[in-house]
Amino acid sequence: MTTDAATPQGTPAPVTPKNKEPYQQAYYPPVPTGFTRLMRGNLIWQFWRFIVINLKMFKLMLSSHH
């Protein structure tokens, strides 16, 4: 059995997680497109999504009460 002189015996070698190497595409977070950023700031779209989500919750509440 050979040991590496750089790491003392009993100390595990440092492990680099997969897809976390710097400058690889998987390292960077996704960036929203221009259209996505536009829709996030559009009050009409936000109001519409608010209504749709509330209707879905209301439908769920109605179906859960026998």
N, C-alpha and C. Protein backbone atom coordinates (compact mmCIF):
# COMPACT_ATOMS: atom_id res chain seq x y z
N MET A 1 0.84 -1.18 0.00
CA MET A 1 0.00 0.00 0.00
C MET A 1 0.88 1.24 0.00
N THR A 2 0.63 2.14 -0.93
CA THR A 2 1.42 3.37 -0.99
C THR A 2 0.56 4.53 -0.51
N THR A 3 1.22 5.50 0.10
CA THR A 3 0.52 6.69 0.57
C THR A 3 1.09 7.90 -0.15
N ASP A 4 0.26 8.87 -0.35
CA ASP A 4 0.68 10.11 -0.99
C ASP A 4 1.33 11.00 0.07
N ALA A 5 2.45 11.58 -0.25
CA ALA A 5 3.16 12.40 0.72
C ALA A 5 2.43 13.72 0.98
N ALA A 6 1.57 14.16 0.06
CA ALA A 6 0.89 15.44 0.20
C ALA A 6 -0.27 15.37 1.20
N THR A 7 -0.91 14.22 1.31
CA THR A 7 -2.02 14.09 2.25
C THR A 7 -1.63 13.14 3.36
N PRO A 8 -1.82 13.56 4.61
CA PRO A 8 -1.49 12.66 5.72
C PRO A 8 -2.40 11.44 5.72
N GLN A 9 -1.91 10.37 6.29
CA GLN A 9 -2.69 9.13 6.32
C GLN A 9 -3.94 9.33 7.16
N GLY A 10 -5.08 8.85 6.66
CA GLY A 10 -6.34 9.00 7.37
C GLY A 10 -7.13 10.23 6.95
N THR A 11 -6.51 11.16 6.22
CA THR A 11 -7.21 12.35 5.75
C THR A 11 -7.68 12.10 4.32
N PRO A 12 -8.98 12.22 4.07
CA PRO A 12 -9.46 11.98 2.71
C PRO A 12 -9.01 13.10 1.76
N ALA A 13 -8.79 12.72 0.53
CA ALA A 13 -8.40 13.69 -0.48
C ALA A 13 -9.60 14.58 -0.79
N PRO A 14 -9.39 15.85 -1.12
CA PRO A 14 -10.52 16.74 -1.45
C PRO A 14 -11.25 16.24 -2.69
N VAL A 15 -12.57 16.28 -2.62
CA VAL A 15 -13.41 15.80 -3.71
C VAL A 15 -14.12 16.98 -4.34
N THR A 16 -14.05 17.07 -5.66
CA THR A 16 -14.74 18.12 -6.39
C THR A 16 -16.06 17.56 -6.88
N PRO A 17 -17.21 18.21 -6.52
CA PRO A 17 -18.50 17.69 -6.98
C PRO A 17 -18.62 17.76 -8.49
N LYS A 18 -19.43 16.84 -9.05
CA LYS A 18 -19.64 16.85 -10.49
C LYS A 18 -20.36 18.13 -10.90
N ASN A 19 -20.08 18.60 -12.09
CA ASN A 19 -20.71 19.78 -12.69
C ASN A 19 -20.47 21.05 -11.88
N LYS A 20 -19.44 21.11 -11.10
CA LYS A 20 -19.14 22.32 -10.36
C LYS A 20 -17.75 22.85 -10.70
N GLU A 21 -17.19 22.37 -11.79
CA GLU A 21 -15.90 22.88 -12.22
C GLU A 21 -16.09 24.29 -12.74
N PRO A 22 -15.25 25.23 -12.37
CA PRO A 22 -15.41 26.60 -12.86
C PRO A 22 -15.34 26.67 -14.38
N TYR A 23 -16.10 27.58 -14.93
CA TYR A 23 -16.12 27.89 -16.36
C TYR A 23 -16.76 26.80 -17.21
N GLN A 24 -17.45 25.85 -16.60
CA GLN A 24 -18.23 24.90 -17.38
C GLN A 24 -19.66 25.43 -17.43
N GLN A 25 -20.40 25.07 -18.46
CA GLN A 25 -21.74 25.60 -18.65
C GLN A 25 -22.67 25.23 -17.50
N ALA A 26 -22.51 24.06 -16.93
CA ALA A 26 -23.39 23.62 -15.84
C ALA A 26 -23.12 24.40 -14.56
N TYR A 27 -22.01 25.11 -14.48
CA TYR A 27 -21.65 25.86 -13.29
C TYR A 27 -22.48 27.14 -13.15
N TYR A 28 -22.89 27.72 -14.27
CA TYR A 28 -23.59 29.00 -14.25
C TYR A 28 -25.09 28.79 -14.10
N PRO A 29 -25.76 29.66 -13.31
CA PRO A 29 -27.22 29.53 -13.17
C PRO A 29 -27.92 29.96 -14.44
N PRO A 30 -29.14 29.49 -14.67
CA PRO A 30 -29.88 29.90 -15.86
C PRO A 30 -30.25 31.39 -15.76
N VAL A 31 -30.21 32.06 -16.87
CA VAL A 31 -30.52 33.49 -16.94
C VAL A 31 -31.85 33.64 -17.68
N PRO A 32 -32.80 34.41 -17.13
CA PRO A 32 -34.09 34.56 -17.81
C PRO A 32 -33.92 35.31 -19.13
N THR A 33 -34.77 34.94 -20.09
CA THR A 33 -34.72 35.60 -21.39
C THR A 33 -35.34 37.00 -21.26
N GLY A 34 -35.20 37.79 -22.28
CA GLY A 34 -35.77 39.13 -22.29
C GLY A 34 -37.28 39.10 -22.16
N PHE A 35 -37.93 38.12 -22.83
CA PHE A 35 -39.38 38.00 -22.76
C PHE A 35 -39.82 37.65 -21.35
N THR A 36 -39.09 36.75 -20.69
CA THR A 36 -39.43 36.37 -19.31
C THR A 36 -39.31 37.57 -18.39
N ARG A 37 -38.26 38.34 -18.54
CA ARG A 37 -38.08 39.54 -17.71
C ARG A 37 -39.17 40.56 -17.98
N LEU A 38 -39.61 40.68 -19.23
CA LEU A 38 -40.69 41.60 -19.58
C LEU A 38 -41.99 41.17 -18.91
N MET A 39 -42.30 39.87 -18.96
CA MET A 39 -43.54 39.38 -18.38
C MET A 39 -43.53 39.49 -16.85
N ARG A 40 -42.38 39.36 -16.24
CA ARG A 40 -42.30 39.49 -14.78
C ARG A 40 -42.62 40.91 -14.33
N GLY A 41 -42.35 41.88 -15.16
CA GLY A 41 -42.60 43.27 -14.81
C GLY A 41 -43.92 43.81 -15.32
N ASN A 42 -44.67 43.01 -16.08
CA ASN A 42 -45.92 43.46 -16.68
C ASN A 42 -47.06 43.27 -15.67
N LEU A 43 -47.67 44.38 -15.23
CA LEU A 43 -48.71 44.31 -14.20
C LEU A 43 -49.96 43.59 -14.69
N ILE A 44 -50.30 43.74 -15.96
CA ILE A 44 -51.48 43.06 -16.49
C ILE A 44 -51.28 41.54 -16.44
N TRP A 45 -50.11 41.08 -16.86
CA TRP A 45 -49.81 39.65 -16.81
C TRP A 45 -49.79 39.14 -15.37
N GLN A 46 -49.22 39.90 -14.45
CA GLN A 46 -49.19 39.50 -13.05
C GLN A 46 -50.60 39.39 -12.49
N PHE A 47 -51.47 40.35 -12.83
CA PHE A 47 -52.85 40.30 -12.34
C PHE A 47 -53.57 39.08 -12.91
N TRP A 48 -53.37 38.79 -14.19
CA TRP A 48 -53.99 37.62 -14.82
C TRP A 48 -53.54 36.33 -14.13
N ARG A 49 -52.24 36.18 -13.88
CA ARG A 49 -51.72 34.98 -13.22
C ARG A 49 -52.27 34.87 -11.80
N PHE A 50 -52.43 36.01 -11.11
CA PHE A 50 -53.01 36.02 -9.78
C PHE A 50 -54.43 35.45 -9.81
N ILE A 51 -55.22 35.89 -10.78
CA ILE A 51 -56.60 35.42 -10.92
C ILE A 51 -56.62 33.91 -11.21
N VAL A 52 -55.79 33.46 -12.14
CA VAL A 52 -55.75 32.04 -12.52
C VAL A 52 -55.36 31.17 -11.33
N ILE A 53 -54.33 31.58 -10.60
CA ILE A 53 -53.88 30.78 -9.45
C ILE A 53 -54.96 30.75 -8.37
N ASN A 54 -55.62 31.89 -8.14
CA ASN A 54 -56.69 31.92 -7.14
C ASN A 54 -57.86 31.03 -7.55
N LEU A 55 -58.21 31.01 -8.84
CA LEU A 55 -59.28 30.13 -9.30
C LEU A 55 -58.92 28.66 -9.11
N LYS A 56 -57.65 28.32 -9.36
CA LYS A 56 -57.20 26.93 -9.15
C LYS A 56 -57.30 26.55 -7.68
N MET A 57 -56.91 27.46 -6.79
CA MET A 57 -57.00 27.17 -5.36
C MET A 57 -58.46 27.04 -4.92
N PHE A 58 -59.33 27.90 -5.45
CA PHE A 58 -60.75 27.85 -5.11
C PHE A 58 -61.36 26.53 -5.57
N LYS A 59 -61.00 26.11 -6.78
CA LYS A 59 -61.48 24.83 -7.31
C LYS A 59 -61.01 23.67 -6.43
N LEU A 60 -59.77 23.72 -5.98
CA LEU A 60 -59.23 22.69 -5.12
C LEU A 60 -59.97 22.65 -3.78
N MET A 61 -60.25 23.83 -3.23
CA MET A 61 -60.98 23.88 -1.94
C MET A 61 -62.40 23.34 -2.11
N LEU A 62 -63.05 23.65 -3.21
CA LEU A 62 -64.40 23.16 -3.43
C LEU A 62 -64.43 21.64 -3.59
N SER A 63 -63.42 21.09 -4.26
CA SER A 63 -63.40 19.65 -4.47
C SER A 63 -63.00 18.88 -3.21
N SER A 64 -62.34 19.54 -2.26
CA SER A 64 -61.89 18.83 -1.06
C SER A 64 -63.01 18.74 -0.02
N HIS A 65 -64.01 19.63 -0.10
CA HIS A 65 -65.14 19.56 0.84
C HIS A 65 -66.22 18.67 0.24
N HIS A 66 -66.50 17.57 0.89
CA HIS A 66 -67.44 16.58 0.34
C HIS A 66 -68.81 17.14 0.34
